[in-house]
């Protein structure tokens, strides 16, 4: 799971989503909501991003 916190229209927004639905591309974060629906957030509006690495396993 991933958590992204960013400045919304009026207040900060926190979204918890699957890691594979959150991508960083060309100075913005992209959240995939399904089909062809995306939210694009410029990096300067993002306060924090926390992602788990599904390929990393603790021994």
PDB file of N, CA and C in Angstrom:
ATOM      1  N   UNK A   1       0.832  -1.190   0.000  1.00  0.00           N
ATOM      2  CA  UNK A   1       0.000   0.000   0.000  1.00  0.00           C
ATOM      3  C   UNK A   1       0.876   1.252   0.000  1.00  0.00           C
ATOM      4  N   UNK A   2       0.338   2.311  -0.531  1.00  0.00           N
ATOM      5  CA  UNK A   2       1.031   3.595  -0.589  1.00  0.00           C
ATOM      6  C   UNK A   2       0.126   4.667   0.010  1.00  0.00           C
ATOM      7  N   UNK A   3       0.746   5.677   0.584  1.00  0.00           N
ATOM      8  CA  UNK A   3       0.016   6.830   1.104  1.00  0.00           C
ATOM      9  C   UNK A   3       0.643   8.068   0.506  1.00  0.00           C
ATOM     10  N   UNK A   4      -0.177   8.908  -0.106  1.00  0.00           N
ATOM     11  CA  UNK A   4       0.289  10.177  -0.653  1.00  0.00           C
ATOM     12  C   UNK A   4      -0.509  11.296   0.017  1.00  0.00           C
ATOM     13  N   UNK A   5       0.199  12.321   0.465  1.00  0.00           N
ATOM     14  CA  UNK A   5      -0.423  13.479   1.104  1.00  0.00           C
ATOM     15  C   UNK A   5      -0.072  14.688   0.246  1.00  0.00           C
ATOM     16  N   UNK A   6      -1.097  15.410  -0.189  1.00  0.00           N
ATOM     17  CA  UNK A   6      -0.869  16.548  -1.074  1.00  0.00           C
ATOM     18  C   UNK A   6      -1.883  17.648  -0.801  1.00  0.00           C
ATOM     19  N   UNK A   7      -1.585  18.851  -1.298  1.00  0.00           N
ATOM     20  CA  UNK A   7      -2.480  19.993  -1.119  1.00  0.00           C
ATOM     21  C   UNK A   7      -3.636  19.890  -2.100  1.00  0.00           C
ATOM     22  N   UNK A   8      -4.843  19.776  -1.575  1.00  0.00           N
ATOM     23  CA  UNK A   8      -6.044  19.761  -2.399  1.00  0.00           C
ATOM     24  C   UNK A   8      -6.486  21.182  -2.684  1.00  0.00           C
ATOM     25  N   UNK A   9      -7.700  21.346  -3.127  1.00  0.00           N
ATOM     26  CA  UNK A   9      -8.222  22.675  -3.447  1.00  0.00           C
ATOM     27  C   UNK A   9      -8.276  23.559  -2.212  1.00  0.00           C
ATOM     28  N   UNK A  10      -8.827  23.024  -1.110  1.00  0.00           N
ATOM     29  CA  UNK A  10      -8.983  23.827   0.103  1.00  0.00           C
ATOM     30  C   UNK A  10      -8.139  23.361   1.282  1.00  0.00           C
ATOM     31  N   UNK A  11      -7.760  22.088   1.298  1.00  0.00           N
ATOM     32  CA  UNK A  11      -7.040  21.526   2.440  1.00  0.00           C
ATOM     33  C   UNK A  11      -6.195  20.338   1.998  1.00  0.00           C
ATOM     34  N   UNK A  12      -5.299  19.894   2.863  1.00  0.00           N
ATOM     35  CA  UNK A  12      -4.484  18.719   2.515  1.00  0.00           C
ATOM     36  C   UNK A  12      -5.351  17.471   2.341  1.00  0.00           C
ATOM     37  N   UNK A  13      -4.936  16.610   1.408  1.00  0.00           N
ATOM     38  CA  UNK A  13      -5.641  15.372   1.103  1.00  0.00           C
ATOM     39  C   UNK A  13      -4.670  14.219   1.345  1.00  0.00           C
ATOM     40  N   UNK A  14      -5.160  13.161   1.983  1.00  0.00           N
ATOM     41  CA  UNK A  14      -4.373  11.952   2.192  1.00  0.00           C
ATOM     42  C   UNK A  14      -5.107  10.800   1.526  1.00  0.00           C
ATOM     43  N   UNK A  15      -4.418  10.083   0.630  1.00  0.00           N
ATOM     44  CA  UNK A  15      -5.024   8.947  -0.068  1.00  0.00           C
ATOM     45  C   UNK A  15      -4.181   7.704   0.169  1.00  0.00           C
ATOM     46  N   UNK A  16      -4.843   6.601   0.480  1.00  0.00           N
ATOM     47  CA  UNK A  16      -4.176   5.314   0.604  1.00  0.00           C
ATOM     48  C   UNK A  16      -4.586   4.466  -0.590  1.00  0.00           C
ATOM     49  N   UNK A  17      -3.598   4.030  -1.356  1.00  0.00           N
ATOM     50  CA  UNK A  17      -3.860   3.297  -2.592  1.00  0.00           C
ATOM     51  C   UNK A  17      -2.838   2.177  -2.764  1.00  0.00           C
ATOM     52  N   UNK A  18      -3.086   1.285  -3.697  1.00  0.00           N
ATOM     53  CA  UNK A  18      -2.125   0.240  -4.016  1.00  0.00           C
ATOM     54  C   UNK A  18      -0.885   0.865  -4.646  1.00  0.00           C
ATOM     55  N   UNK A  19       0.284   0.325  -4.293  1.00  0.00           N
ATOM     56  CA  UNK A  19       1.553   0.845  -4.834  1.00  0.00           C
ATOM     57  C   UNK A  19       1.548   0.934  -6.351  1.00  0.00           C
ATOM     58  N   UNK A  20       1.020  -0.085  -7.007  1.00  0.00           N
ATOM     59  CA  UNK A  20       1.075  -0.118  -8.463  1.00  0.00           C
ATOM     60  C   UNK A  20       0.166   0.920  -9.127  1.00  0.00           C
ATOM     61  N   UNK A  21      -0.673   1.598  -8.350  1.00  0.00           N
ATOM     62  CA  UNK A  21      -1.545   2.640  -8.907  1.00  0.00           C
ATOM     63  C   UNK A  21      -0.976   4.035  -8.731  1.00  0.00           C
ATOM     64  N   UNK A  22       0.226   4.128  -8.159  1.00  0.00           N
ATOM     65  CA  UNK A  22       0.871   5.412  -7.921  1.00  0.00           C
ATOM     66  C   UNK A  22       2.199   5.446  -8.662  1.00  0.00           C
ATOM     67  N   UNK A  23       2.383   6.441  -9.515  1.00  0.00           N
ATOM     68  CA  UNK A  23       3.606   6.581 -10.309  1.00  0.00           C
ATOM     69  C   UNK A  23       4.076   8.028 -10.294  1.00  0.00           C
ATOM     70  N   UNK A  24       5.394   8.193 -10.435  1.00  0.00           N
ATOM     71  CA  UNK A  24       5.975   9.523 -10.580  1.00  0.00           C
ATOM     72  C   UNK A  24       6.482   9.655 -12.007  1.00  0.00           C
ATOM     73  N   UNK A  25       6.010  10.683 -12.699  1.00  0.00           N
ATOM     74  CA  UNK A  25       6.412  10.896 -14.097  1.00  0.00           C
ATOM     75  C   UNK A  25       6.500  12.384 -14.402  1.00  0.00           C
ATOM     76  N   UNK A  26       7.617  12.774 -14.949  1.00  0.00           N
ATOM     77  CA  UNK A  26       7.809  14.124 -15.469  1.00  0.00           C
ATOM     78  C   UNK A  26       7.270  15.218 -14.555  1.00  0.00           C
ATOM     79  N   UNK A  27       7.784  15.274 -13.341  1.00  0.00           N
ATOM     80  CA  UNK A  27       7.495  16.334 -12.365  1.00  0.00           C
ATOM     81  C   UNK A  27       6.081  16.301 -11.787  1.00  0.00           C
ATOM     82  N   UNK A  28       5.405  15.147 -11.863  1.00  0.00           N
ATOM     83  CA  UNK A  28       4.104  15.030 -11.201  1.00  0.00           C
ATOM     84  C   UNK A  28       3.860  13.586 -10.762  1.00  0.00           C
ATOM     85  N   UNK A  29       3.013  13.442  -9.762  1.00  0.00           N
ATOM     86  CA  UNK A  29       2.570  12.125  -9.318  1.00  0.00           C
ATOM     87  C   UNK A  29       1.278  11.793 -10.039  1.00  0.00           C
ATOM     88  N   UNK A  30       1.120  10.557 -10.387  1.00  0.00           N
ATOM     89  CA  UNK A  30      -0.050  10.094 -11.144  1.00  0.00           C
ATOM     90  C   UNK A  30      -0.719   8.975 -10.335  1.00  0.00           C
ATOM     91  N   UNK A  31      -2.015   9.154 -10.042  1.00  0.00           N
ATOM     92  CA  UNK A  31      -2.798   8.132  -9.351  1.00  0.00           C
ATOM     93  C   UNK A  31      -3.782   7.547 -10.351  1.00  0.00           C
ATOM     94  N   UNK A  32      -3.733   6.242 -10.531  1.00  0.00           N
ATOM     95  CA  UNK A  32      -4.632   5.560 -11.471  1.00  0.00           C
ATOM     96  C   UNK A  32      -5.847   5.067 -10.692  1.00  0.00           C
ATOM     97  N   UNK A  33      -7.030   5.534 -11.079  1.00  0.00           N
ATOM     98  CA  UNK A  33      -8.269   5.179 -10.384  1.00  0.00           C
ATOM     99  C   UNK A  33      -9.032   4.061 -11.081  1.00  0.00           C
ATOM    100  N   UNK A  34      -8.655   3.732 -12.285  1.00  0.00           N
ATOM    101  CA  UNK A  34      -9.345   2.685 -13.037  1.00  0.00           C
ATOM    102  C   UNK A  34      -9.655   3.150 -14.436  1.00  0.00           C
ATOM    103  N   UNK A  35      -9.773   2.182 -15.345  1.00  0.00           N
ATOM    104  CA  UNK A  35      -9.997   2.483 -16.759  1.00  0.00           C
ATOM    105  C   UNK A  35      -9.036   3.579 -17.207  1.00  0.00           C
ATOM    106  N   UNK A  36      -9.544   4.676 -17.701  1.00  0.00           N
ATOM    107  CA  UNK A  36      -8.704   5.789 -18.155  1.00  0.00           C
ATOM    108  C   UNK A  36      -8.819   6.983 -17.222  1.00  0.00           C
ATOM    109  N   UNK A  37      -9.073   6.745 -15.944  1.00  0.00           N
ATOM    110  CA  UNK A  37      -9.251   7.829 -14.975  1.00  0.00           C
ATOM    111  C   UNK A  37      -7.991   7.973 -14.125  1.00  0.00           C
ATOM    112  N   UNK A  38      -7.389   9.171 -14.161  1.00  0.00           N
ATOM    113  CA  UNK A  38      -6.163   9.459 -13.433  1.00  0.00           C
ATOM    114  C   UNK A  38      -6.289  10.788 -12.711  1.00  0.00           C
ATOM    115  N   UNK A  39      -5.539  10.931 -11.642  1.00  0.00           N
ATOM    116  CA  UNK A  39      -5.348  12.216 -10.981  1.00  0.00           C
ATOM    117  C   UNK A  39      -3.877  12.556 -11.135  1.00  0.00           C
ATOM    118  N   UNK A  40      -3.575  13.766 -11.597  1.00  0.00           N
ATOM    119  CA  UNK A  40      -2.203  14.231 -11.760  1.00  0.00           C
ATOM    120  C   UNK A  40      -1.937  15.316 -10.730  1.00  0.00           C
ATOM    121  N   UNK A  41      -0.869  15.145  -9.951  1.00  0.00           N
ATOM    122  CA  UNK A  41      -0.555  16.083  -8.881  1.00  0.00           C
ATOM    123  C   UNK A  41       0.873  16.597  -9.097  1.00  0.00           C
ATOM    124  N   UNK A  42       1.036  17.905  -9.325  1.00  0.00           N
ATOM    125  CA  UNK A  42       2.385  18.456  -9.489  1.00  0.00           C
ATOM    126  C   UNK A  42       3.215  18.208  -8.228  1.00  0.00           C
ATOM    127  N   UNK A  43       4.492  17.896  -8.396  1.00  0.00           N
ATOM    128  CA  UNK A  43       5.337  17.536  -7.250  1.00  0.00           C
ATOM    129  C   UNK A  43       5.400  18.624  -6.189  1.00  0.00           C
ATOM    130  N   UNK A  44       5.245  19.895  -6.585  1.00  0.00           N
ATOM    131  CA  UNK A  44       5.309  20.969  -5.586  1.00  0.00           C
ATOM    132  C   UNK A  44       4.080  20.996  -4.664  1.00  0.00           C
ATOM    133  N   UNK A  45       3.010  20.289  -5.025  1.00  0.00           N
ATOM    134  CA  UNK A  45       1.818  20.202  -4.154  1.00  0.00           C
ATOM    135  C   UNK A  45       1.836  18.964  -3.262  1.00  0.00           C
ATOM    136  N   UNK A  46       2.838  18.089  -3.416  1.00  0.00           N
ATOM    137  CA  UNK A  46       2.911  16.847  -2.643  1.00  0.00           C
ATOM    138  C   UNK A  46       3.748  17.066  -1.393  1.00  0.00           C
ATOM    139  N   UNK A  47       3.158  16.744  -0.236  1.00  0.00           N
ATOM    140  CA  UNK A  47       3.856  16.871   1.042  1.00  0.00           C
ATOM    141  C   UNK A  47       4.669  15.622   1.360  1.00  0.00           C
ATOM    142  N   UNK A  48       4.071  14.446   1.120  1.00  0.00           N
ATOM    143  CA  UNK A  48       4.799  13.210   1.413  1.00  0.00           C
ATOM    144  C   UNK A  48       4.207  12.042   0.639  1.00  0.00           C
ATOM    145  N   UNK A  49       5.075  11.046   0.413  1.00  0.00           N
ATOM    146  CA  UNK A  49       4.669   9.804  -0.246  1.00  0.00           C
ATOM    147  C   UNK A  49       5.351   8.676   0.505  1.00  0.00           C
ATOM    148  N   UNK A  50       4.571   7.676   0.874  1.00  0.00           N
ATOM    149  CA  UNK A  50       5.127   6.491   1.531  1.00  0.00           C
ATOM    150  C   UNK A  50       4.663   5.282   0.739  1.00  0.00           C
ATOM    151  N   UNK A  51       5.636   4.535   0.231  1.00  0.00           N
ATOM    152  CA  UNK A  51       5.324   3.349  -0.564  1.00  0.00           C
ATOM    153  C   UNK A  51       6.042   2.146   0.032  1.00  0.00           C
ATOM    154  N   UNK A  52       5.431   0.977  -0.085  1.00  0.00           N
ATOM    155  CA  UNK A  52       6.110  -0.255   0.290  1.00  0.00           C
ATOM    156  C   UNK A  52       6.695  -0.842  -0.982  1.00  0.00           C
ATOM    157  N   UNK A  53       7.791  -1.535  -0.845  1.00  0.00           N
ATOM    158  CA  UNK A  53       8.424  -2.165  -1.996  1.00  0.00           C
ATOM    159  C   UNK A  53       8.052  -3.642  -1.990  1.00  0.00           C
ATOM    160  N   UNK A  54       7.171  -4.065  -2.878  1.00  0.00           N
ATOM    161  CA  UNK A  54       6.731  -5.458  -2.872  1.00  0.00           C
ATOM    162  C   UNK A  54       7.855  -6.429  -3.255  1.00  0.00           C
ATOM    163  N   UNK A  55       8.963  -5.925  -3.779  1.00  0.00           N
ATOM    164  CA  UNK A  55      10.072  -6.768  -4.180  1.00  0.00           C
ATOM    165  C   UNK A  55      11.096  -6.959  -3.058  1.00  0.00           C
ATOM    166  N   UNK A  56      10.931  -6.184  -1.970  1.00  0.00           N
ATOM    167  CA  UNK A  56      11.849  -6.262  -0.848  1.00  0.00           C
ATOM    168  C   UNK A  56      11.262  -7.157   0.228  1.00  0.00           C
ATOM    169  N   UNK A  57      12.028  -8.143   0.636  1.00  0.00           N
ATOM    170  CA  UNK A  57      11.577  -9.038   1.703  1.00  0.00           C
ATOM    171  C   UNK A  57      12.627  -9.048   2.801  1.00  0.00           C
ATOM    172  N   UNK A  58      12.199  -8.859   4.040  1.00  0.00           N
ATOM    173  CA  UNK A  58      13.122  -8.916   5.172  1.00  0.00           C
ATOM    174  C   UNK A  58      13.458 -10.359   5.468  1.00  0.00           C
ATOM    175  N   UNK A  59      14.711 -10.615   5.826  1.00  0.00           N
ATOM    176  CA  UNK A  59      15.126 -11.984   6.153  1.00  0.00           C
ATOM    177  C   UNK A  59      15.046 -12.209   7.630  1.00  0.00           C
TER     178      UNK A  59
END
